[in-house]
Amino acid sequence: MNDTEIIEVAQRALFIAIQMGAPILLIGLFVGVTIALFQALTQIQEMTLVFVPKIIAIFLAFAFFLPGMMKTLIIFMEELADRMVGLG
């Protein structure tokens, strides 16, 4: 492998990491901001009110997005394995 191929694989790995993490993080962000807005409007300052809905939303998002994330990861790993076989 030359330097260009290594950089391409690293860029692809970073893009896949962002692609896999973004939906979960965005859902957590949306739920957190929504609960914070609700707390600001109602002046309820309960610390646990933010964490429980966010944990539930992230868990449900993982359950929903996990098959697609695994498919993406499997495709990437198969491409890496094919590259490794091509080196030998």
C-alpha atoms as a PDB file:
ATOM      1  CA  MET A   1       0.000   0.000   0.000  1.00  0.00           C
ATOM      2  CA  ASN A   2       1.238   3.426  -0.809  1.00  0.00           C
ATOM      3  CA  ASP A   3       0.551   6.651   1.054  1.00  0.00           C
ATOM      4  CA  THR A   4      -2.426   7.590  -1.114  1.00  0.00           C
ATOM      5  CA  GLU A   5      -4.261   4.336  -0.419  1.00  0.00           C
ATOM      6  CA  ILE A   6      -3.653   4.645   3.318  1.00  0.00           C
ATOM      7  CA  ILE A   7      -5.036   8.179   3.325  1.00  0.00           C
ATOM      8  CA  GLU A   8      -8.075   7.040   1.309  1.00  0.00           C
ATOM      9  CA  VAL A   9      -8.801   4.220   3.772  1.00  0.00           C
ATOM     10  CA  ALA A  10      -8.400   6.569   6.741  1.00  0.00           C
ATOM     11  CA  GLN A  11     -10.697   9.156   5.154  1.00  0.00           C
ATOM     12  CA  ARG A  12     -13.303   6.495   4.414  1.00  0.00           C
ATOM     13  CA  ALA A  13     -13.071   5.187   7.994  1.00  0.00           C
ATOM     14  CA  LEU A  14     -13.578   8.691   9.414  1.00  0.00           C
ATOM     15  CA  PHE A  15     -16.518   9.324   7.087  1.00  0.00           C
ATOM     16  CA  ILE A  16     -18.134   6.039   8.123  1.00  0.00           C
ATOM     17  CA  ALA A  17     -17.613   6.873  11.806  1.00  0.00           C
ATOM     18  CA  ILE A  18     -19.329  10.227  11.294  1.00  0.00           C
ATOM     19  CA  GLN A  19     -22.064   8.621   9.200  1.00  0.00           C
ATOM     20  CA  MET A  20     -22.752   6.020  11.890  1.00  0.00           C
ATOM     21  CA  GLY A  21     -22.628   8.392  14.844  1.00  0.00           C
ATOM     22  CA  ALA A  22     -24.468  11.383  13.423  1.00  0.00           C
ATOM     23  CA  PRO A  23     -28.061  10.090  13.602  1.00  0.00           C
ATOM     24  CA  ILE A  24     -27.692   9.030  17.244  1.00  0.00           C
ATOM     25  CA  LEU A  25     -25.994  12.282  18.228  1.00  0.00           C
ATOM     26  CA  LEU A  26     -28.544  14.423  16.393  1.00  0.00           C
ATOM     27  CA  ILE A  27     -31.449  12.658  18.086  1.00  0.00           C
ATOM     28  CA  GLY A  28     -29.780  13.127  21.478  1.00  0.00           C
ATOM     29  CA  LEU A  29     -29.199  16.801  20.666  1.00  0.00           C
ATOM     30  CA  PHE A  30     -32.793  17.332  19.561  1.00  0.00           C
ATOM     31  CA  VAL A  31     -34.250  15.650  22.650  1.00  0.00           C
ATOM     32  CA  GLY A  32     -31.873  17.547  24.943  1.00  0.00           C
ATOM     33  CA  VAL A  33     -32.717  20.920  23.424  1.00  0.00           C
ATOM     34  CA  THR A  34     -36.440  20.144  23.498  1.00  0.00           C
ATOM     35  CA  ILE A  35     -36.335  19.196  27.178  1.00  0.00           C
ATOM     36  CA  ALA A  36     -34.171  22.227  27.995  1.00  0.00           C
ATOM     37  CA  LEU A  37     -36.672  24.488  26.233  1.00  0.00           C
ATOM     38  CA  PHE A  38     -39.504  22.846  28.159  1.00  0.00           C
ATOM     39  CA  GLN A  39     -37.616  23.401  31.420  1.00  0.00           C
ATOM     40  CA  ALA A  40     -36.961  27.036  30.566  1.00  0.00           C
ATOM     41  CA  LEU A  41     -40.590  27.676  29.708  1.00  0.00           C
ATOM     42  CA  THR A  42     -42.013  25.964  32.786  1.00  0.00           C
ATOM     43  CA  GLN A  43     -39.161  26.901  35.158  1.00  0.00           C
ATOM     44  CA  ILE A  44     -38.831  23.272  36.261  1.00  0.00           C
ATOM     45  CA  GLN A  45     -35.177  22.784  37.174  1.00  0.00           C
ATOM     46  CA  GLU A  46     -34.950  19.035  37.693  1.00  0.00           C
ATOM     47  CA  MET A  47     -31.597  17.588  36.593  1.00  0.00           C
ATOM     48  CA  THR A  48     -32.867  14.062  35.963  1.00  0.00           C
ATOM     49  CA  LEU A  49     -35.621  15.334  33.665  1.00  0.00           C
ATOM     50  CA  VAL A  50     -33.044  15.786  30.897  1.00  0.00           C
ATOM     51  CA  PHE A  51     -31.269  12.450  31.225  1.00  0.00           C
ATOM     52  CA  VAL A  52     -34.110   9.929  31.258  1.00  0.00           C
ATOM     53  CA  PRO A  53     -35.835  11.018  27.996  1.00  0.00           C
ATOM     54  CA  LYS A  54     -32.456  11.436  26.301  1.00  0.00           C
ATOM     55  CA  ILE A  55     -31.333   7.938  27.311  1.00  0.00           C
ATOM     56  CA  ILE A  56     -34.616   6.447  26.143  1.00  0.00           C
ATOM     57  CA  ALA A  57     -34.452   8.325  22.813  1.00  0.00           C
ATOM     58  CA  ILE A  58     -30.850   7.254  22.195  1.00  0.00           C
ATOM     59  CA  PHE A  59     -31.678   3.638  23.054  1.00  0.00           C
ATOM     60  CA  LEU A  60     -34.601   3.666  20.608  1.00  0.00           C
ATOM     61  CA  ALA A  61     -32.430   5.328  17.957  1.00  0.00           C
ATOM     62  CA  PHE A  62     -29.804   2.605  18.397  1.00  0.00           C
ATOM     63  CA  ALA A  63     -32.476  -0.062  18.033  1.00  0.00           C
ATOM     64  CA  PHE A  64     -33.765   1.617  14.864  1.00  0.00           C
ATOM     65  CA  PHE A  65     -30.439   2.514  13.194  1.00  0.00           C
ATOM     66  CA  LEU A  66     -28.305  -0.467  14.269  1.00  0.00           C
ATOM     67  CA  PRO A  67     -29.120  -2.728  11.287  1.00  0.00           C
ATOM     68  CA  GLY A  68     -28.108  -0.023   8.816  1.00  0.00           C
ATOM     69  CA  MET A  69     -25.005   0.846  10.796  1.00  0.00           C
ATOM     70  CA  MET A  70     -23.947  -2.802  10.891  1.00  0.00           C
ATOM     71  CA  LYS A  71     -24.531  -3.172   7.148  1.00  0.00           C
ATOM     72  CA  THR A  72     -22.335  -0.128   6.485  1.00  0.00           C
ATOM     73  CA  LEU A  73     -19.619  -1.465   8.770  1.00  0.00           C
ATOM     74  CA  ILE A  74     -19.730  -4.936   7.218  1.00  0.00           C
ATOM     75  CA  ILE A  75     -19.389  -3.485   3.705  1.00  0.00           C
ATOM     76  CA  PHE A  76     -16.407  -1.393   4.817  1.00  0.00           C
ATOM     77  CA  MET A  77     -14.726  -4.368   6.486  1.00  0.00           C
ATOM     78  CA  GLU A  78     -15.268  -6.526   3.392  1.00  0.00           C
ATOM     79  CA  GLU A  79     -13.621  -3.817   1.271  1.00  0.00           C
ATOM     80  CA  LEU A  80     -10.680  -3.725   3.696  1.00  0.00           C
ATOM     81  CA  ALA A  81     -10.368  -7.518   3.621  1.00  0.00           C
ATOM     82  CA  ASP A  82     -10.380  -7.462  -0.188  1.00  0.00           C
ATOM     83  CA  ARG A  83      -7.599  -4.879  -0.146  1.00  0.00           C
ATOM     84  CA  MET A  84      -5.590  -6.995   2.287  1.00  0.00           C
ATOM     85  CA  VAL A  85      -6.002 -10.090   0.111  1.00  0.00           C
ATOM     86  CA  GLY A  86      -4.883  -8.047  -2.884  1.00  0.00           C
ATOM     87  CA  LEU A  87      -1.664  -7.120  -1.087  1.00  0.00           C
ATOM     88  CA  GLY A  88      -0.507 -10.727  -0.693  1.00  0.00           C
END
